[in-house]
Amino acid sequence: MDKKLKINSPFSILHSPFQKGFTLVELLITIAVLAVISGIVIAIINPGTQLAKARDARRKNDMHQIQVALEAYKSDNGHYPPSPDWINSSQGDQWIPGLSPQYMQKLPRDPSSSGGSYTGFPGWYGKWDYAYYAAAYPSTCAQGHAVVAGDDYMLIARAENTADPAAIGQTLTYAGCPTGVWTGYFPFGPQ
């Protein structure tokens, strides 16, 4: 008896019991289904957003580590390291004077830092760096409060995920004076 199978169409997926493997059409359909499923999974996971959240988590952790070092510095010296202006992490591994290496082996830099040294506040240049300020000289803030040199500080990290509650509408006071509402940044002050 002849065991041939009659095929009515070139696209038929009927097989004889003696054929092995898949047809080209079956393989193409399987690949298309897998592509659609993987596209949906990638859209749900959104690796760009997940990476931004991971970098922001590192920023918050870095800020906390710097805060601990600043508190240890103040405990030993009676004041925070003074800075005449905003200083930022683009200025090397010892960007906060006096902290490294005694209180921190190496001061962290922002995970998205593009490198290159500049002065001033990171947001002015669209840079991803940490920034620190502690008055180097006594003064008076806009509300009339006395600002004692090294008695307070501001530590800022720019947020990538601006939907993070810690980066939305946070307020920070400096020497008893409000510095305004910080949106898109993680502001930190003395603990």
N, C-alpha and C. Protein backbone atom coordinates (compact mmCIF):
# COMPACT_ATOMS: atom_id res chain seq x y z
N MET A 1 0.84 -1.17 0.00
CA MET A 1 0.00 0.00 0.00
C MET A 1 0.89 1.23 0.00
N ASP A 2 0.53 2.18 -0.84
CA ASP A 2 1.30 3.41 -0.97
C ASP A 2 0.87 4.39 0.14
N LYS A 3 1.85 4.92 0.90
CA LYS A 3 1.54 5.78 2.06
C LYS A 3 1.65 7.25 1.71
N LYS A 4 1.29 7.69 0.52
CA LYS A 4 1.38 9.09 0.13
C LYS A 4 0.14 9.83 0.64
N LEU A 5 0.38 11.08 1.04
CA LEU A 5 -0.70 11.93 1.52
C LEU A 5 -1.01 12.96 0.45
N LYS A 6 -2.25 13.12 0.14
CA LYS A 6 -2.63 14.07 -0.87
C LYS A 6 -2.71 15.45 -0.23
N ILE A 7 -2.00 16.43 -0.79
CA ILE A 7 -1.99 17.80 -0.27
C ILE A 7 -2.77 18.66 -1.25
N ASN A 8 -3.81 19.31 -0.74
CA ASN A 8 -4.67 20.12 -1.60
C ASN A 8 -4.10 21.51 -1.83
N SER A 9 -3.28 22.00 -0.93
CA SER A 9 -2.77 23.37 -1.02
C SER A 9 -1.29 23.40 -0.65
N PRO A 10 -0.54 24.31 -1.26
CA PRO A 10 0.87 24.40 -0.86
C PRO A 10 1.02 24.93 0.57
N PHE A 11 -0.02 25.53 1.14
CA PHE A 11 0.05 26.08 2.49
C PHE A 11 -0.58 25.16 3.52
N SER A 12 -0.91 23.98 3.14
CA SER A 12 -1.54 23.02 4.04
C SER A 12 -0.55 22.61 5.13
N ILE A 13 -1.05 22.47 6.33
CA ILE A 13 -0.18 22.07 7.44
C ILE A 13 -0.38 20.61 7.82
N LEU A 14 -1.01 19.87 6.94
CA LEU A 14 -1.18 18.45 7.19
C LEU A 14 0.11 17.71 6.91
N HIS A 15 0.46 16.81 7.74
CA HIS A 15 1.70 16.05 7.59
C HIS A 15 1.36 14.56 7.52
N SER A 16 2.18 13.87 6.83
CA SER A 16 2.05 12.41 6.89
C SER A 16 2.78 11.96 8.14
N PRO A 17 2.52 10.80 8.64
CA PRO A 17 3.20 10.34 9.85
C PRO A 17 4.69 10.16 9.65
N PHE A 18 5.15 10.20 8.41
CA PHE A 18 6.57 9.98 8.15
C PHE A 18 7.35 11.28 7.94
N GLN A 19 6.67 12.44 7.87
CA GLN A 19 7.37 13.72 7.70
C GLN A 19 7.78 14.24 9.07
N LYS A 20 8.98 14.87 9.11
CA LYS A 20 9.47 15.46 10.35
C LYS A 20 9.78 16.92 10.10
N GLY A 21 9.67 17.75 11.14
CA GLY A 21 10.01 19.16 11.01
C GLY A 21 8.79 20.03 10.84
N PHE A 22 9.05 21.31 10.60
CA PHE A 22 8.00 22.30 10.46
C PHE A 22 8.05 22.90 9.07
N THR A 23 6.93 23.38 8.63
CA THR A 23 6.91 24.06 7.34
C THR A 23 7.37 25.48 7.53
N LEU A 24 7.71 26.14 6.45
CA LEU A 24 8.15 27.52 6.49
C LEU A 24 7.06 28.42 7.07
N VAL A 25 5.84 28.17 6.71
CA VAL A 25 4.72 28.97 7.20
C VAL A 25 4.59 28.83 8.72
N GLU A 26 4.70 27.62 9.24
CA GLU A 26 4.62 27.41 10.68
C GLU A 26 5.73 28.17 11.41
N LEU A 27 6.92 28.13 10.88
CA LEU A 27 8.04 28.84 11.49
C LEU A 27 7.81 30.35 11.46
N LEU A 28 7.34 30.88 10.35
CA LEU A 28 7.09 32.32 10.25
C LEU A 28 6.00 32.77 11.22
N ILE A 29 4.95 31.99 11.35
CA ILE A 29 3.87 32.33 12.28
C ILE A 29 4.39 32.30 13.71
N THR A 30 5.18 31.31 14.05
CA THR A 30 5.75 31.21 15.41
C THR A 30 6.65 32.40 15.70
N ILE A 31 7.50 32.78 14.75
CA ILE A 31 8.39 33.92 14.94
C ILE A 31 7.59 35.21 15.11
N ALA A 32 6.53 35.38 14.32
CA ALA A 32 5.70 36.58 14.42
C ALA A 32 5.01 36.67 15.78
N VAL A 33 4.49 35.54 16.26
CA VAL A 33 3.83 35.52 17.58
C VAL A 33 4.83 35.86 18.69
N LEU A 34 6.02 35.27 18.62
CA LEU A 34 7.05 35.57 19.63
C LEU A 34 7.48 37.03 19.57
N ALA A 35 7.57 37.61 18.39
CA ALA A 35 7.94 39.02 18.26
C ALA A 35 6.88 39.92 18.89
N VAL A 36 5.62 39.61 18.67
CA VAL A 36 4.54 40.40 19.26
C VAL A 36 4.57 40.29 20.78
N ILE A 37 4.73 39.09 21.29
CA ILE A 37 4.77 38.89 22.75
C ILE A 37 5.97 39.62 23.36
N SER A 38 7.14 39.51 22.74
CA SER A 38 8.32 40.18 23.30
C SER A 38 8.16 41.70 23.23
N GLY A 39 7.52 42.21 22.18
CA GLY A 39 7.27 43.65 22.09
C GLY A 39 6.36 44.12 23.21
N ILE A 40 5.35 43.36 23.52
CA ILE A 40 4.44 43.70 24.62
C ILE A 40 5.18 43.67 25.95
N VAL A 41 5.99 42.65 26.17
CA VAL A 41 6.73 42.53 27.43
C VAL A 41 7.70 43.70 27.59
N ILE A 42 8.42 44.06 26.53
CA ILE A 42 9.36 45.18 26.60
C ILE A 42 8.63 46.48 26.87
N ALA A 43 7.47 46.67 26.26
CA ALA A 43 6.69 47.88 26.50
C ALA A 43 6.21 47.95 27.95
N ILE A 44 5.87 46.82 28.52
CA ILE A 44 5.42 46.79 29.91
C ILE A 44 6.58 47.05 30.87
N ILE A 45 7.70 46.39 30.63
CA ILE A 45 8.84 46.53 31.52
C ILE A 45 9.51 47.89 31.35
N ASN A 46 9.61 48.41 30.14
CA ASN A 46 10.23 49.68 29.81
C ASN A 46 11.61 49.81 30.46
N PRO A 47 12.62 49.19 29.88
CA PRO A 47 13.94 49.18 30.50
C PRO A 47 14.54 50.56 30.72
N GLY A 48 14.20 51.53 29.87
CA GLY A 48 14.72 52.89 30.06
C GLY A 48 14.26 53.48 31.38
N THR A 49 12.98 53.32 31.67
CA THR A 49 12.44 53.82 32.94
C THR A 49 13.03 53.06 34.12
N GLN A 50 13.18 51.76 33.98
CA GLN A 50 13.74 50.96 35.07
C GLN A 50 15.19 51.38 35.36
N LEU A 51 15.96 51.63 34.30
CA LEU A 51 17.34 52.08 34.49
C LEU A 51 17.38 53.46 35.14
N ALA A 52 16.48 54.35 34.76
CA ALA A 52 16.42 55.68 35.37
C ALA A 52 16.09 55.57 36.86
N LYS A 53 15.16 54.68 37.20
CA LYS A 53 14.81 54.47 38.61
C LYS A 53 16.00 53.91 39.39
N ALA A 54 16.76 53.02 38.76
CA ALA A 54 17.94 52.45 39.43
C ALA A 54 19.00 53.53 39.65
N ARG A 55 19.21 54.41 38.66
CA ARG A 55 20.18 55.50 38.83
C ARG A 55 19.71 56.47 39.92
N ASP A 56 18.40 56.74 39.99
CA ASP A 56 17.89 57.62 41.04
C ASP A 56 18.06 56.98 42.42
N ALA A 57 17.86 55.68 42.51
CA ALA A 57 18.08 54.99 43.79
C ALA A 57 19.54 55.13 44.21
N ARG A 58 20.45 55.02 43.26
CA ARG A 58 21.87 55.20 43.58
C ARG A 58 22.13 56.64 44.02
N ARG A 59 21.50 57.61 43.36
CA ARG A 59 21.68 59.01 43.75
C ARG A 59 21.26 59.23 45.21
N LYS A 60 20.09 58.69 45.56
CA LYS A 60 19.61 58.85 46.94
C LYS A 60 20.57 58.18 47.93
N ASN A 61 21.06 57.00 47.58
CA ASN A 61 22.00 56.31 48.45
C ASN A 61 23.31 57.11 48.58
N ASP A 62 23.80 57.63 47.47
CA ASP A 62 25.01 58.46 47.52
C ASP A 62 24.80 59.68 48.41
N MET A 63 23.64 60.33 48.27
CA MET A 63 23.36 61.52 49.09
C MET A 63 23.34 61.15 50.57
N HIS A 64 22.75 60.00 50.88
CA HIS A 64 22.72 59.56 52.28
C HIS A 64 24.14 59.31 52.81
N GLN A 65 24.98 58.67 52.00
CA GLN A 65 26.36 58.41 52.42
C GLN A 65 27.13 59.72 52.63
N ILE A 66 26.90 60.70 51.76
CA ILE A 66 27.54 62.00 51.93
C ILE A 66 27.03 62.68 53.19
N GLN A 67 25.72 62.58 53.45
CA GLN A 67 25.15 63.15 54.67
C GLN A 67 25.82 62.58 55.92
N VAL A 68 26.02 61.27 55.94
CA VAL A 68 26.66 60.62 57.09
C VAL A 68 28.08 61.17 57.26
N ALA A 69 28.80 61.31 56.16
CA ALA A 69 30.17 61.85 56.23
C ALA A 69 30.16 63.31 56.68
N LEU A 70 29.18 64.09 56.20
CA LEU A 70 29.09 65.50 56.62
C LEU A 70 28.80 65.62 58.12
N GLU A 71 27.94 64.74 58.63
CA GLU A 71 27.64 64.77 60.06
C GLU A 71 28.87 64.38 60.89
N ALA A 72 29.64 63.41 60.41
CA ALA A 72 30.88 63.04 61.11
C ALA A 72 31.88 64.20 61.08
N TYR A 73 31.98 64.87 59.94
CA TYR A 73 32.87 66.04 59.82
C TYR A 73 32.45 67.11 60.82
N LYS A 74 31.14 67.40 60.89
CA LYS A 74 30.66 68.43 61.81
C LYS A 74 30.91 68.02 63.26
N SER A 75 30.73 66.74 63.55
CA SER A 75 30.98 66.26 64.91
C SER A 75 32.44 66.51 65.32
N ASP A 76 33.36 66.32 64.39
CA ASP A 76 34.78 66.51 64.69
C ASP A 76 35.21 67.97 64.65
N ASN A 77 34.60 68.78 63.78
CA ASN A 77 35.08 70.15 63.53
C ASN A 77 34.15 71.26 64.02
N GLY A 78 32.93 70.91 64.41
CA GLY A 78 31.99 71.92 64.90
C GLY A 78 31.24 72.65 63.80
N HIS A 79 31.50 72.35 62.55
CA HIS A 79 30.81 72.98 61.43
C HIS A 79 30.92 72.08 60.20
N TYR A 80 30.10 72.37 59.21
CA TYR A 80 30.17 71.64 57.94
C TYR A 80 31.27 72.25 57.08
N PRO A 81 31.80 71.50 56.13
CA PRO A 81 32.83 72.07 55.26
C PRO A 81 32.27 73.28 54.49
N PRO A 82 32.88 74.45 54.66
CA PRO A 82 32.36 75.64 53.97
C PRO A 82 32.69 75.64 52.48
N SER A 83 31.82 76.29 51.72
CA SER A 83 32.08 76.48 50.29
C SER A 83 31.63 77.89 49.92
N PRO A 84 32.46 78.65 49.23
CA PRO A 84 32.08 80.02 48.89
C PRO A 84 30.95 80.09 47.86
N ASP A 85 30.73 79.01 47.13
CA ASP A 85 29.68 78.96 46.11
C ASP A 85 29.26 77.50 45.98
N TRP A 86 28.29 77.23 45.12
CA TRP A 86 27.94 75.84 44.85
C TRP A 86 29.16 75.12 44.29
N ILE A 87 29.45 73.95 44.82
CA ILE A 87 30.50 73.11 44.25
C ILE A 87 29.83 71.81 43.81
N ASN A 88 30.38 71.19 42.79
CA ASN A 88 29.71 70.01 42.27
C ASN A 88 30.70 68.90 42.00
N SER A 89 30.14 67.72 41.78
CA SER A 89 30.96 66.52 41.67
C SER A 89 31.77 66.44 40.38
N SER A 90 31.61 67.41 39.49
CA SER A 90 32.45 67.42 38.28
C SER A 90 33.87 67.87 38.63
N GLN A 91 34.06 68.36 39.84
CA GLN A 91 35.34 68.95 40.23
C GLN A 91 36.29 67.96 40.90
N GLY A 92 36.12 66.68 40.62
CA GLY A 92 37.06 65.67 41.10
C GLY A 92 36.54 64.85 42.26
N ASP A 93 37.39 63.94 42.73
CA ASP A 93 37.00 63.00 43.78
C ASP A 93 36.91 63.65 45.16
N GLN A 94 37.46 64.82 45.32
CA GLN A 94 37.44 65.51 46.61
C GLN A 94 36.66 66.81 46.48
N TRP A 95 35.51 66.76 45.85
CA TRP A 95 34.77 67.97 45.52
C TRP A 95 34.17 68.67 46.73
N ILE A 96 33.99 68.00 47.84
CA ILE A 96 33.61 68.68 49.09
C ILE A 96 34.88 68.72 49.94
N PRO A 97 35.45 69.91 50.13
CA PRO A 97 36.73 70.03 50.83
C PRO A 97 36.69 69.40 52.23
N GLY A 98 37.67 68.60 52.52
CA GLY A 98 37.83 68.03 53.85
C GLY A 98 37.13 66.70 54.10
N LEU A 99 36.27 66.26 53.19
CA LEU A 99 35.55 65.01 53.42
C LEU A 99 36.37 63.78 53.03
N SER A 100 37.10 63.89 51.95
CA SER A 100 37.83 62.74 51.42
C SER A 100 39.32 62.91 51.68
N PRO A 101 40.02 61.95 52.14
CA PRO A 101 39.67 60.55 52.36
C PRO A 101 39.30 60.22 53.81
N GLN A 102 39.34 61.21 54.72
CA GLN A 102 39.12 60.90 56.14
C GLN A 102 37.70 60.40 56.43
N TYR A 103 36.68 61.01 55.82
CA TYR A 103 35.30 60.65 56.14
C TYR A 103 34.65 59.78 55.07
N MET A 104 35.17 59.85 53.87
CA MET A 104 34.74 58.99 52.76
C MET A 104 35.97 58.72 51.92
N GLN A 105 36.19 57.48 51.57
CA GLN A 105 37.37 57.14 50.77
C GLN A 105 37.39 57.95 49.48
N LYS A 106 36.24 57.97 48.80
CA LYS A 106 36.12 58.69 47.55
C LYS A 106 34.70 59.23 47.47
N LEU A 107 34.56 60.50 47.19
CA LEU A 107 33.23 61.08 47.08
C LEU A 107 32.56 60.60 45.78
N PRO A 108 31.31 60.22 45.86
CA PRO A 108 30.65 59.68 44.66
C PRO A 108 30.34 60.77 43.64
N ARG A 109 30.20 60.33 42.41
CA ARG A 109 29.75 61.19 41.31
C ARG A 109 28.43 60.64 40.81
N ASP A 110 27.67 61.50 40.19
CA ASP A 110 26.39 61.10 39.64
C ASP A 110 26.58 59.98 38.61
N PRO A 111 25.72 58.95 38.62
CA PRO A 111 25.88 57.84 37.67
C PRO A 111 25.73 58.24 36.21
N SER A 112 25.11 59.38 35.93
CA SER A 112 24.96 59.84 34.55
C SER A 112 25.90 61.00 34.23
N SER A 113 26.86 61.25 35.10
CA SER A 113 27.76 62.38 34.89
C SER A 113 28.48 62.26 33.55
N SER A 114 28.47 63.36 32.82
CA SER A 114 29.11 63.36 31.51
C SER A 114 30.58 63.77 31.59
N GLY A 115 31.05 64.07 32.79
CA GLY A 115 32.44 64.46 32.96
C GLY A 115 32.64 65.91 32.57
N GLY A 116 33.86 66.35 32.65
CA GLY A 116 34.16 67.75 32.37
C GLY A 116 33.90 68.60 33.59
N SER A 117 34.79 69.49 33.88
CA SER A 117 34.67 70.31 35.07
C SER A 117 33.99 71.64 34.74
N TYR A 118 33.12 72.10 35.61
CA TYR A 118 32.49 73.40 35.49
C TYR A 118 32.13 73.85 36.89
N THR A 119 31.82 75.10 37.07
CA THR A 119 31.42 75.59 38.38
C THR A 119 29.96 75.98 38.32
N GLY A 120 29.34 76.03 39.47
CA GLY A 120 27.95 76.43 39.55
C GLY A 120 27.02 75.25 39.79
N PHE A 121 25.76 75.56 39.78
CA PHE A 121 24.72 74.60 40.08
C PHE A 121 24.44 73.72 38.87
N PRO A 122 24.33 72.40 39.03
CA PRO A 122 24.17 71.50 37.88
C PRO A 122 23.00 71.80 36.97
N GLY A 123 21.88 72.21 37.51
CA GLY A 123 20.71 72.46 36.68
C GLY A 123 20.91 73.57 35.67
N TRP A 124 21.84 74.49 35.94
CA TRP A 124 22.08 75.59 35.02
C TRP A 124 22.63 75.11 33.69
N TYR A 125 23.32 74.01 33.70
CA TYR A 125 23.98 73.54 32.50
C TYR A 125 23.37 72.23 31.98
N GLY A 126 22.30 71.77 32.59
CA GLY A 126 21.71 70.51 32.18
C GLY A 126 22.59 69.32 32.51
N LYS A 127 23.48 69.49 33.46
CA LYS A 127 24.44 68.44 33.81
C LYS A 127 23.86 67.51 34.85
N TRP A 128 24.45 66.33 34.91
CA TRP A 128 24.07 65.34 35.91
C TRP A 128 25.21 65.22 36.91
N ASP A 129 25.22 66.07 37.89
CA ASP A 129 26.24 66.03 38.93
C ASP A 129 25.58 66.35 40.27
N TYR A 130 26.25 65.98 41.34
CA TYR A 130 25.78 66.34 42.67
C TYR A 130 26.31 67.74 42.99
N ALA A 131 25.57 68.47 43.81
CA ALA A 131 26.00 69.82 44.18
C ALA A 131 25.90 70.00 45.69
N TYR A 132 26.80 70.82 46.23
CA TYR A 132 26.88 71.07 47.67
C TYR A 132 27.10 72.56 47.90
N TYR A 133 26.46 73.06 48.94
CA TYR A 133 26.70 74.45 49.34
C TYR A 133 26.59 74.56 50.85
N ALA A 134 27.56 75.20 51.45
CA ALA A 134 27.52 75.60 52.87
C ALA A 134 28.22 76.95 52.94
N ALA A 135 27.54 77.91 53.51
CA ALA A 135 28.08 79.28 53.53
C ALA A 135 29.48 79.31 54.13
N ALA A 136 30.37 80.00 53.44
CA ALA A 136 31.74 80.14 53.93
C ALA A 136 31.87 81.39 54.79
N TYR A 137 30.90 82.31 54.68
CA TYR A 137 30.97 83.58 55.41
C TYR A 137 29.62 83.86 56.07
N PRO A 138 29.63 84.53 57.22
CA PRO A 138 28.35 84.90 57.85
C PRO A 138 27.58 85.86 56.94
N SER A 139 26.27 85.72 56.94
CA SER A 139 25.44 86.62 56.14
C SER A 139 24.02 86.61 56.70
N THR A 140 23.12 87.20 55.96
CA THR A 140 21.71 87.22 56.34
C THR A 140 20.91 86.76 55.13
N CYS A 141 19.94 85.89 55.36
CA CYS A 141 19.10 85.43 54.25
C CYS A 141 17.99 86.44 54.00
N ALA A 142 17.22 86.23 52.95
CA ALA A 142 16.17 87.17 52.54
C ALA A 142 15.12 87.39 53.63
N GLN A 143 14.92 86.40 54.49
CA GLN A 143 13.93 86.54 55.57
C GLN A 143 14.53 87.19 56.81
N GLY A 144 15.80 87.58 56.75
CA GLY A 144 16.44 88.27 57.87
C GLY A 144 17.12 87.36 58.87
N HIS A 145 17.13 86.06 58.63
CA HIS A 145 17.79 85.12 59.54
C HIS A 145 19.30 85.20 59.34
N ALA A 146 20.03 85.10 60.43
CA ALA A 146 21.49 85.09 60.35
C ALA A 146 21.96 83.75 59.81
N VAL A 147 22.86 83.81 58.86
CA VAL A 147 23.45 82.60 58.30
C VAL A 147 24.85 82.49 58.88
N VAL A 148 25.07 81.46 59.68
CA VAL A 148 26.36 81.24 60.32
C VAL A 148 27.19 80.35 59.39
N ALA A 149 28.41 80.75 59.14
CA ALA A 149 29.27 79.98 58.23
C ALA A 149 29.42 78.54 58.71
N GLY A 150 29.16 77.60 57.81
CA GLY A 150 29.33 76.18 58.11
C GLY A 150 28.31 75.57 59.04
N ASP A 151 27.23 76.32 59.36
CA ASP A 151 26.24 75.82 60.31
C ASP A 151 25.13 75.02 59.63
N ASP A 152 25.02 75.11 58.33
CA ASP A 152 23.97 74.42 57.58
C ASP A 152 24.52 74.12 56.20
N TYR A 153 23.87 73.25 55.47
CA TYR A 153 24.30 72.94 54.10
C TYR A 153 23.12 72.53 53.25
N MET A 154 23.33 72.54 51.95
CA MET A 154 22.38 72.01 50.99
C MET A 154 23.13 71.04 50.08
N LEU A 155 22.55 69.90 49.86
CA LEU A 155 23.12 68.87 49.02
C LEU A 155 22.03 68.48 48.02
N ILE A 156 22.36 68.56 46.74
CA ILE A 156 21.34 68.40 45.70
C ILE A 156 21.77 67.34 44.69
N ALA A 157 20.83 66.52 44.28
CA ALA A 157 21.03 65.59 43.17
C ALA A 157 19.86 65.76 42.22
N ARG A 158 20.13 65.83 40.95
CA ARG A 158 19.08 65.98 39.94
C ARG A 158 18.41 64.63 39.71
N ALA A 159 17.08 64.62 39.66
CA ALA A 159 16.32 63.38 39.48
C ALA A 159 16.07 63.11 38.00
N GLU A 160 16.23 61.86 37.62
CA GLU A 160 15.90 61.45 36.25
C GLU A 160 14.43 61.11 36.14
N ASN A 161 13.92 60.41 37.14
CA ASN A 161 12.51 60.05 37.17
C ASN A 161 11.78 61.15 37.92
N THR A 162 11.30 62.15 37.19
CA THR A 162 10.68 63.30 37.84
C THR A 162 9.31 62.97 38.44
N ALA A 163 8.82 61.75 38.23
CA ALA A 163 7.58 61.31 38.85
C ALA A 163 7.83 60.74 40.25
N ASP A 164 9.10 60.60 40.64
CA ASP A 164 9.45 60.10 41.97
C ASP A 164 8.94 61.09 43.01
N PRO A 165 8.15 60.64 44.00
CA PRO A 165 7.62 61.55 45.01
C PRO A 165 8.72 62.35 45.73
N ALA A 166 9.91 61.79 45.85
CA ALA A 166 11.00 62.51 46.53
C ALA A 166 11.53 63.66 45.68
N ALA A 167 11.13 63.73 44.40
CA ALA A 167 11.61 64.79 43.52
C ALA A 167 10.50 65.76 43.12
N ILE A 168 9.36 65.66 43.76
CA ILE A 168 8.23 66.52 43.39
C ILE A 168 7.91 67.46 44.55
N GLY A 169 8.11 68.73 44.33
CA GLY A 169 7.68 69.74 45.29
C GLY A 169 8.31 69.65 46.66
N GLN A 170 9.54 69.19 46.74
CA GLN A 170 10.22 69.11 48.03
C GLN A 170 10.71 70.50 48.44
N THR A 171 10.59 70.80 49.71
CA THR A 171 11.11 72.08 50.21
C THR A 171 12.33 71.81 51.07
N LEU A 172 13.20 72.76 51.10
CA LEU A 172 14.44 72.65 51.87
C LEU A 172 14.69 73.99 52.51
N THR A 173 14.97 73.99 53.80
CA THR A 173 15.33 75.25 54.45
C THR A 173 16.83 75.29 54.65
N TYR A 174 17.35 76.47 54.56
CA TYR A 174 18.78 76.68 54.76
C TYR A 174 18.92 77.82 55.75
N ALA A 175 19.53 77.53 56.88
CA ALA A 175 19.72 78.52 57.96
C ALA A 175 18.38 79.13 58.37
N GLY A 176 17.35 78.29 58.41
CA GLY A 176 16.03 78.76 58.84
C GLY A 176 15.25 79.47 57.75
N CYS A 177 15.79 79.58 56.56
CA CYS A 177 15.13 80.27 55.46
C CYS A 177 14.71 79.25 54.40
N PRO A 178 13.48 79.30 53.94
CA PRO A 178 13.08 78.39 52.88
C PRO A 178 13.83 78.70 51.59
N THR A 179 14.25 77.67 50.89
CA THR A 179 14.98 77.88 49.64
C THR A 179 14.07 77.71 48.44
N GLY A 180 12.81 77.49 48.69
CA GLY A 180 11.86 77.32 47.59
C GLY A 180 11.49 75.87 47.42
N VAL A 181 10.69 75.63 46.41
CA VAL A 181 10.22 74.28 46.11
C VAL A 181 11.14 73.68 45.06
N TRP A 182 11.62 72.49 45.34
CA TRP A 182 12.54 71.79 44.44
C TRP A 182 11.76 70.73 43.69
N THR A 183 11.60 70.90 42.40
CA THR A 183 10.94 69.89 41.57
C THR A 183 11.96 69.40 40.55
N GLY A 184 12.10 68.08 40.47
CA GLY A 184 13.07 67.50 39.56
C GLY A 184 14.43 67.29 40.20
N TYR A 185 14.51 67.54 41.51
CA TYR A 185 15.76 67.36 42.25
C TYR A 185 15.49 66.62 43.55
N PHE A 186 16.52 66.00 44.08
CA PHE A 186 16.46 65.41 45.42
C PHE A 186 17.24 66.34 46.34
N PRO A 187 16.55 67.18 47.13
CA PRO A 187 17.27 68.08 48.04
C PRO A 187 17.52 67.41 49.39
N PHE A 188 18.69 67.63 49.94
CA PHE A 188 19.05 67.08 51.23
C PHE A 188 19.67 68.18 52.09
N GLY A 189 19.44 68.10 53.39
CA GLY A 189 20.04 69.01 54.34
C GLY A 189 20.49 68.21 55.55
N PRO A 190 20.89 68.92 56.60
CA PRO A 190 21.35 68.20 57.80
C PRO A 190 20.31 67.22 58.33
N GLN A 191 20.82 66.11 58.86
CA GLN A 191 19.92 65.07 59.39
C GLN A 191 19.38 65.44 60.74
